[in-house]
Amino acid sequence: MDAESQIPLSSPTASWRHQLQRDVRAHPITAISLLLALLAVLLLLAQSLVSLMMGDATLATRYGAYGGLAGFAATALGALPALVLRRVPQKFEDAMLGFAAGMMLAASAFSLLLPGLAAARDLTQSGGLAAVIVVFGMALGVLLMLGLDQFTPHEHDKTGPCGPGYQACPRVWLFVFAIALHNLPEGMAIGVSFARGDMSVGLPLTTAIALQDIPEGLAVALTLYAAGFRSLVAVGVAILTGLLEPIGALIGIGLASGLAMAYPIGLGLAAGAMLFVVSHEVIPETHRNGHQTFATLGLMLGFALMMTLDTALG
């Protein structure tokens, strides 16, 4: 038996934990900030859950919860065809994800940033100060996602816990994780948009997010099936990725149901998080296979559809 074969192999969990510890030591301020942000998120989630369970939920809370469940249902609906479909052309899959990215971009602009600016202007009577408030919210959203990104695996991050030598996180699981992770800010956006019980803000955004969740659910299920998973398992995992939508919605409700200024800040935070995810996760995935043109055309179509929905429903 050679020396190399005698070297004990570390478990996947131990490898990931070791890399996580290295990241925390290398970025202590980021780790502490992320921990505090996650504690705040858990408190907001608990606040909304208690409100629902105690039966004193406001109309906004119920609307937000329904909106989050709609996103989850859309993800499940998109995943179900994978029970009979075995493969779609990669160009079509990239175009679908580009379509989802376009809808998210338009939703960030028309259903989050513009209402946030209008709400902040009503509170401050100043366009410049309103912009500062919303940009501050965007910065918080980006910082939150940067913190999560620092300590979670990504395929394009070759130095992270799933880089070379870490076989526990194959590429397919990184893609699934990225889709699941970005469902959280989508859900938060739904919750914040219903924080005032205003259907003109919440309905178009929820519709857009639900529509783009359908191709995402299908993409996750087909990707898992292509990697060798049974169709039932692939569909089940794809459906589970949608669970972060209702959870995010409850967090968003708790975020924006307090002080009046929290509403425009919350809209900016959700927009910043969504824009970060589109640029950092979704668009790189659509361009990875060399189908940039199809993905870009899908993005433009998704953007145009969301803009139309916002005009028609808002």
Protein backbone atom coordinates (compact mmCIF):
# COMPACT_ATOMS: atom_id res chain seq x y z
CA MET A 1 0.00 0.00 0.00
CA ASP A 2 1.55 3.31 -1.05
CA ALA A 3 1.87 6.31 1.25
CA GLU A 4 -0.76 8.32 -0.59
CA SER A 5 -3.44 5.68 -0.04
CA GLN A 6 -2.71 5.72 3.71
CA ILE A 7 -3.58 9.41 4.05
CA PRO A 8 -6.94 9.65 5.83
CA LEU A 9 -9.58 11.46 3.86
CA SER A 10 -11.33 14.25 5.71
CA SER A 11 -15.09 14.17 5.70
CA PRO A 12 -17.00 16.69 3.54
CA THR A 13 -18.43 18.31 6.67
CA ALA A 14 -15.00 18.68 8.25
CA SER A 15 -13.58 20.17 5.06
CA TRP A 16 -16.37 22.73 4.82
CA ARG A 17 -16.07 23.57 8.54
CA HIS A 18 -12.30 24.05 8.22
CA GLN A 19 -12.74 26.43 5.28
CA LEU A 20 -15.50 28.31 7.12
CA GLN A 21 -13.23 28.80 10.13
CA ARG A 22 -10.50 30.14 7.86
CA ASP A 23 -12.96 32.59 6.28
CA VAL A 24 -14.14 33.80 9.69
CA ARG A 25 -10.56 34.38 10.87
CA ALA A 26 -9.74 36.19 7.63
CA HIS A 27 -12.85 38.40 7.72
CA PRO A 28 -13.86 38.83 11.39
CA ILE A 29 -15.72 42.12 10.91
CA THR A 30 -17.74 40.68 8.04
CA ALA A 31 -18.54 37.58 10.10
CA ILE A 32 -19.71 39.63 13.10
CA SER A 33 -21.79 41.94 10.92
CA LEU A 34 -23.42 38.99 9.18
CA LEU A 35 -24.17 37.32 12.50
CA LEU A 36 -25.87 40.46 13.80
CA ALA A 37 -27.84 40.80 10.56
CA LEU A 38 -28.97 37.18 10.76
CA LEU A 39 -30.07 37.65 14.37
CA ALA A 40 -32.11 40.68 13.30
CA VAL A 41 -33.62 38.63 10.47
CA LEU A 42 -34.60 35.86 12.91
CA LEU A 43 -36.27 38.41 15.19
CA LEU A 44 -38.25 39.84 12.27
CA LEU A 45 -39.30 36.34 11.24
CA ALA A 46 -40.37 35.50 14.79
CA GLN A 47 -42.35 38.75 15.00
CA SER A 48 -44.34 37.89 11.87
CA LEU A 49 -44.88 34.26 12.89
CA VAL A 50 -46.18 35.27 16.33
CA SER A 51 -48.53 37.77 14.70
CA LEU A 52 -49.93 35.06 12.43
CA MET A 53 -50.23 32.40 15.14
CA MET A 54 -51.86 34.76 17.66
CA GLY A 55 -54.59 35.63 15.18
CA ASP A 56 -53.91 39.38 15.28
CA ALA A 57 -52.17 39.55 11.90
CA THR A 58 -52.83 42.71 9.93
CA LEU A 59 -54.13 42.70 6.39
CA ALA A 60 -50.61 43.48 5.19
CA THR A 61 -49.23 40.46 7.05
CA ARG A 62 -51.79 38.14 5.52
CA TYR A 63 -51.23 39.56 2.02
CA GLY A 64 -47.48 39.16 2.41
CA ALA A 65 -47.83 35.58 3.64
CA TYR A 66 -50.12 34.73 0.72
CA GLY A 67 -47.65 36.35 -1.68
CA GLY A 68 -44.78 34.27 -0.32
CA LEU A 69 -46.87 31.11 -0.64
CA ALA A 70 -47.67 32.10 -4.24
CA GLY A 71 -43.95 32.20 -5.00
CA PHE A 72 -43.51 28.77 -3.42
CA ALA A 73 -46.46 27.37 -5.39
CA ALA A 74 -45.05 28.78 -8.64
CA THR A 75 -41.70 27.11 -7.99
CA ALA A 76 -43.48 23.81 -7.38
CA LEU A 77 -45.57 24.27 -10.51
CA GLY A 78 -42.46 24.88 -12.59
CA ALA A 79 -40.73 21.80 -11.19
CA LEU A 80 -43.57 19.34 -11.84
CA PRO A 81 -43.08 19.04 -15.64
CA ALA A 82 -39.67 17.51 -14.91
CA LEU A 83 -41.54 14.33 -13.93
CA VAL A 84 -42.20 13.73 -17.63
CA LEU A 85 -39.65 15.97 -19.31
CA ARG A 86 -36.19 14.53 -19.34
CA ARG A 87 -34.19 17.32 -20.90
CA VAL A 88 -34.59 20.70 -22.53
CA PRO A 89 -32.00 22.31 -24.79
CA GLN A 90 -29.34 24.20 -22.85
CA LYS A 91 -30.07 27.29 -24.93
CA PHE A 92 -33.69 27.20 -23.83
CA GLU A 93 -32.71 26.73 -20.19
CA ASP A 94 -30.34 29.69 -20.31
CA ALA A 95 -33.01 31.77 -22.05
CA MET A 96 -35.49 30.87 -19.28
CA LEU A 97 -33.06 31.95 -16.58
CA GLY A 98 -32.33 35.14 -18.53
CA PHE A 99 -36.08 35.75 -18.66
CA ALA A 100 -36.22 35.34 -14.87
CA ALA A 101 -33.31 37.77 -14.45
CA GLY A 102 -35.06 40.35 -16.62
CA MET A 103 -38.22 40.14 -14.54
CA MET A 104 -36.20 40.52 -11.34
CA LEU A 105 -34.41 43.58 -12.71
CA ALA A 106 -37.66 45.24 -13.75
CA ALA A 107 -39.33 44.31 -10.47
CA SER A 108 -36.45 45.91 -8.57
CA ALA A 109 -36.84 49.13 -10.55
CA PHE A 110 -40.60 49.51 -10.95
CA SER A 111 -42.02 47.66 -7.93
CA LEU A 112 -39.37 48.42 -5.32
CA LEU A 113 -37.17 51.42 -6.05
CA LEU A 114 -39.79 53.74 -7.53
CA PRO A 115 -42.38 53.10 -4.76
CA GLY A 116 -39.59 53.41 -2.21
CA LEU A 117 -38.55 56.79 -3.60
CA ALA A 118 -42.18 57.96 -3.63
CA ALA A 119 -42.72 56.86 -0.02
CA ALA A 120 -39.49 58.49 1.16
CA ARG A 121 -40.38 61.71 -0.68
CA ASP A 122 -43.75 61.81 1.07
CA LEU A 123 -42.00 61.47 4.43
CA THR A 124 -39.17 63.94 3.83
CA GLN A 125 -40.64 66.33 1.24
CA SER A 126 -37.26 66.20 -0.48
CA GLY A 127 -36.30 64.29 -3.61
CA GLY A 128 -32.60 64.30 -2.77
CA LEU A 129 -33.11 63.05 0.78
CA ALA A 130 -35.54 60.41 -0.51
CA ALA A 131 -32.83 59.11 -2.84
CA VAL A 132 -30.33 58.98 0.03
CA ILE A 133 -32.76 56.95 2.15
CA VAL A 134 -33.47 54.41 -0.59
CA VAL A 135 -29.79 54.13 -1.52
CA PHE A 136 -29.04 53.49 2.15
CA GLY A 137 -31.54 50.63 2.05
CA MET A 138 -29.93 49.29 -1.13
CA ALA A 139 -26.53 49.38 0.56
CA LEU A 140 -27.88 47.36 3.48
CA GLY A 141 -29.27 44.77 1.07
CA VAL A 142 -25.98 44.51 -0.80
CA LEU A 143 -24.00 44.24 2.44
CA LEU A 144 -26.28 41.48 3.67
CA MET A 145 -25.83 39.50 0.44
CA LEU A 146 -22.08 40.15 0.42
CA GLY A 147 -21.87 38.69 3.90
CA LEU A 148 -23.86 35.62 2.87
CA ASP A 149 -21.79 35.31 -0.30
CA GLN A 150 -18.55 35.40 1.68
CA PHE A 151 -19.46 32.35 3.73
CA THR A 152 -21.43 30.25 1.24
CA PRO A 153 -20.15 28.12 -1.65
CA HIS A 154 -20.20 29.35 -5.25
CA GLU A 155 -18.92 27.61 -8.34
CA HIS A 156 -17.17 30.69 -9.68
CA ASP A 157 -15.40 31.21 -6.34
CA LYS A 158 -12.53 28.80 -6.79
CA THR A 159 -11.02 29.63 -3.38
CA GLY A 160 -14.20 28.92 -1.40
CA PRO A 161 -15.19 25.74 0.45
CA CYS A 162 -16.31 24.14 -2.82
CA GLY A 163 -13.26 24.99 -4.86
CA PRO A 164 -10.68 22.48 -6.09
CA GLY A 165 -10.26 19.55 -3.73
CA TYR A 166 -13.69 19.80 -2.15
CA GLN A 167 -15.73 17.13 -3.88
CA ALA A 168 -18.68 17.42 -1.45
CA CYS A 169 -20.19 20.30 -3.41
CA PRO A 170 -20.40 19.44 -7.08
CA ARG A 171 -21.41 22.13 -9.54
CA VAL A 172 -25.03 21.05 -9.67
CA TRP A 173 -25.50 21.61 -5.94
CA LEU A 174 -23.90 25.03 -6.17
CA PHE A 175 -26.43 25.99 -8.82
CA VAL A 176 -29.30 24.66 -6.69
CA PHE A 177 -27.94 26.52 -3.67
CA ALA A 178 -27.68 29.78 -5.62
CA ILE A 179 -31.30 29.50 -6.77
CA ALA A 180 -32.48 28.71 -3.24
CA LEU A 181 -30.44 31.56 -1.76
CA HIS A 182 -31.83 34.20 -4.08
CA ASN A 183 -35.40 33.14 -3.27
CA LEU A 184 -34.87 34.78 0.12
CA PRO A 185 -34.60 38.39 -1.12
CA GLU A 186 -37.44 37.69 -3.54
CA GLY A 187 -39.63 36.70 -0.62
CA MET A 188 -38.46 39.73 1.37
CA ALA A 189 -39.42 41.94 -1.55
CA ILE A 190 -42.93 40.46 -1.55
CA GLY A 191 -43.30 41.00 2.18
CA VAL A 192 -42.08 44.59 2.09
CA SER A 193 -44.26 45.42 -0.93
CA PHE A 194 -47.38 44.43 1.03
CA ALA A 195 -46.27 46.19 4.23
CA ARG A 196 -48.89 48.91 3.76
CA GLY A 197 -51.54 46.59 2.41
CA ASP A 198 -51.21 48.35 -0.95
CA MET A 199 -52.21 45.96 -3.73
CA SER A 200 -50.96 48.37 -6.41
CA VAL A 201 -47.40 47.77 -5.17
CA GLY A 202 -47.58 44.19 -3.95
CA LEU A 203 -49.68 42.56 -6.68
CA PRO A 204 -47.49 43.32 -9.74
CA LEU A 205 -44.32 42.45 -7.86
CA THR A 206 -45.74 39.17 -6.57
CA THR A 207 -47.04 38.31 -10.05
CA ALA A 208 -43.64 38.98 -11.60
CA ILE A 209 -41.75 36.95 -9.02
CA ALA A 210 -44.21 34.06 -9.26
CA LEU A 211 -43.94 34.02 -13.06
CA GLN A 212 -40.15 33.93 -13.03
CA ASP A 213 -40.18 31.24 -10.31
CA ILE A 214 -41.77 28.82 -12.80
CA PRO A 215 -38.76 28.52 -15.15
CA GLU A 216 -36.42 28.53 -12.16
CA GLY A 217 -38.21 25.54 -10.62
CA LEU A 218 -38.01 23.67 -13.91
CA ALA A 219 -34.34 24.55 -14.39
CA VAL A 220 -33.40 23.22 -10.94
CA ALA A 221 -35.35 19.98 -11.40
CA LEU A 222 -33.92 19.30 -14.86
CA THR A 223 -30.39 20.12 -13.70
CA LEU A 224 -30.66 17.61 -10.87
CA TYR A 225 -32.13 14.99 -13.18
CA ALA A 226 -29.33 15.49 -15.69
CA ALA A 227 -26.84 14.97 -12.83
CA GLY A 228 -28.26 11.48 -12.23
CA PHE A 229 -30.95 12.01 -9.60
CA ARG A 230 -34.30 10.24 -9.93
CA SER A 231 -37.06 12.43 -11.26
CA LEU A 232 -39.04 12.37 -7.99
CA VAL A 233 -35.98 13.41 -6.00
CA ALA A 234 -35.09 16.15 -8.50
CA VAL A 235 -38.60 17.58 -8.41
CA GLY A 236 -38.77 17.35 -4.61
CA VAL A 237 -35.51 19.25 -4.13
CA ALA A 238 -36.59 21.88 -6.67
CA ILE A 239 -39.85 22.39 -4.78
CA LEU A 240 -37.97 22.72 -1.48
CA THR A 241 -35.88 25.58 -2.86
CA GLY A 242 -39.10 27.60 -3.00
CA LEU A 243 -39.62 27.38 0.76
CA LEU A 244 -37.38 30.41 1.26
CA GLU A 245 -39.98 32.58 -0.51
CA PRO A 246 -42.65 32.49 2.25
CA ILE A 247 -39.92 32.67 4.89
CA GLY A 248 -38.48 35.75 3.18
CA ALA A 249 -41.95 37.27 2.90
CA LEU A 250 -42.47 37.01 6.66
CA ILE A 251 -39.06 38.61 7.23
CA GLY A 252 -39.96 41.45 4.86
CA ILE A 253 -43.27 42.04 6.64
CA GLY A 254 -41.51 42.28 9.98
CA LEU A 255 -38.89 44.60 8.48
CA ALA A 256 -41.31 47.18 7.11
CA SER A 257 -44.14 47.00 9.64
CA GLY A 258 -42.43 49.15 12.24
CA LEU A 259 -41.35 52.77 11.80
CA ALA A 260 -42.65 54.67 8.78
CA MET A 261 -39.08 55.19 7.54
CA ALA A 262 -38.56 51.42 7.57
CA TYR A 263 -40.87 51.04 4.57
CA PRO A 264 -38.75 52.89 1.95
CA ILE A 265 -35.56 51.54 3.52
CA GLY A 266 -36.99 48.02 3.34
CA LEU A 267 -37.94 48.47 -0.31
CA GLY A 268 -34.41 49.64 -1.06
CA LEU A 269 -32.93 46.73 0.89
CA ALA A 270 -34.98 44.18 -1.06
CA ALA A 271 -34.06 45.86 -4.36
CA GLY A 272 -30.36 45.92 -3.49
CA ALA A 273 -30.41 42.25 -2.53
CA MET A 274 -32.23 41.27 -5.73
CA LEU A 275 -29.92 43.31 -7.96
CA PHE A 276 -26.91 41.73 -6.28
CA VAL A 277 -28.25 38.22 -6.86
CA VAL A 278 -29.10 38.89 -10.51
CA SER A 279 -25.61 40.20 -11.25
CA HIS A 280 -23.68 37.79 -9.05
CA GLU A 281 -25.56 34.53 -9.52
CA VAL A 282 -28.21 34.39 -12.25
CA ILE A 283 -26.53 36.20 -15.13
CA PRO A 284 -23.17 34.38 -14.71
CA GLU A 285 -25.07 31.07 -14.78
CA THR A 286 -26.85 32.00 -18.02
CA HIS A 287 -23.54 32.98 -19.67
CA ARG A 288 -21.57 29.94 -18.51
CA ASN A 289 -22.48 27.76 -21.50
CA GLY A 290 -21.79 30.27 -24.27
CA HIS A 291 -25.44 31.13 -24.95
CA GLN A 292 -25.17 34.81 -24.06
CA THR A 293 -27.36 35.96 -26.96
CA PHE A 294 -30.28 33.71 -26.00
CA ALA A 295 -29.92 34.65 -22.34
CA THR A 296 -29.83 38.36 -23.17
CA LEU A 297 -32.91 38.11 -25.39
CA GLY A 298 -34.68 36.28 -22.58
CA LEU A 299 -33.64 39.00 -20.15
CA MET A 300 -35.02 41.74 -22.41
CA LEU A 301 -38.29 39.85 -22.83
CA GLY A 302 -38.62 39.34 -19.08
CA PHE A 303 -37.88 43.00 -18.41
CA ALA A 304 -40.47 44.12 -20.96
CA LEU A 305 -43.12 41.76 -19.58
CA MET A 306 -42.57 42.91 -16.00
CA MET A 307 -42.71 46.56 -17.06
CA THR A 308 -46.02 45.86 -18.81
CA LEU A 309 -47.39 44.00 -15.78
CA ASP A 310 -46.40 46.82 -13.46
CA THR A 311 -48.16 49.35 -15.68
CA ALA A 312 -51.28 47.23 -16.12
CA LEU A 313 -51.64 46.04 -12.51
CA GLY A 314 -50.26 49.11 -10.75
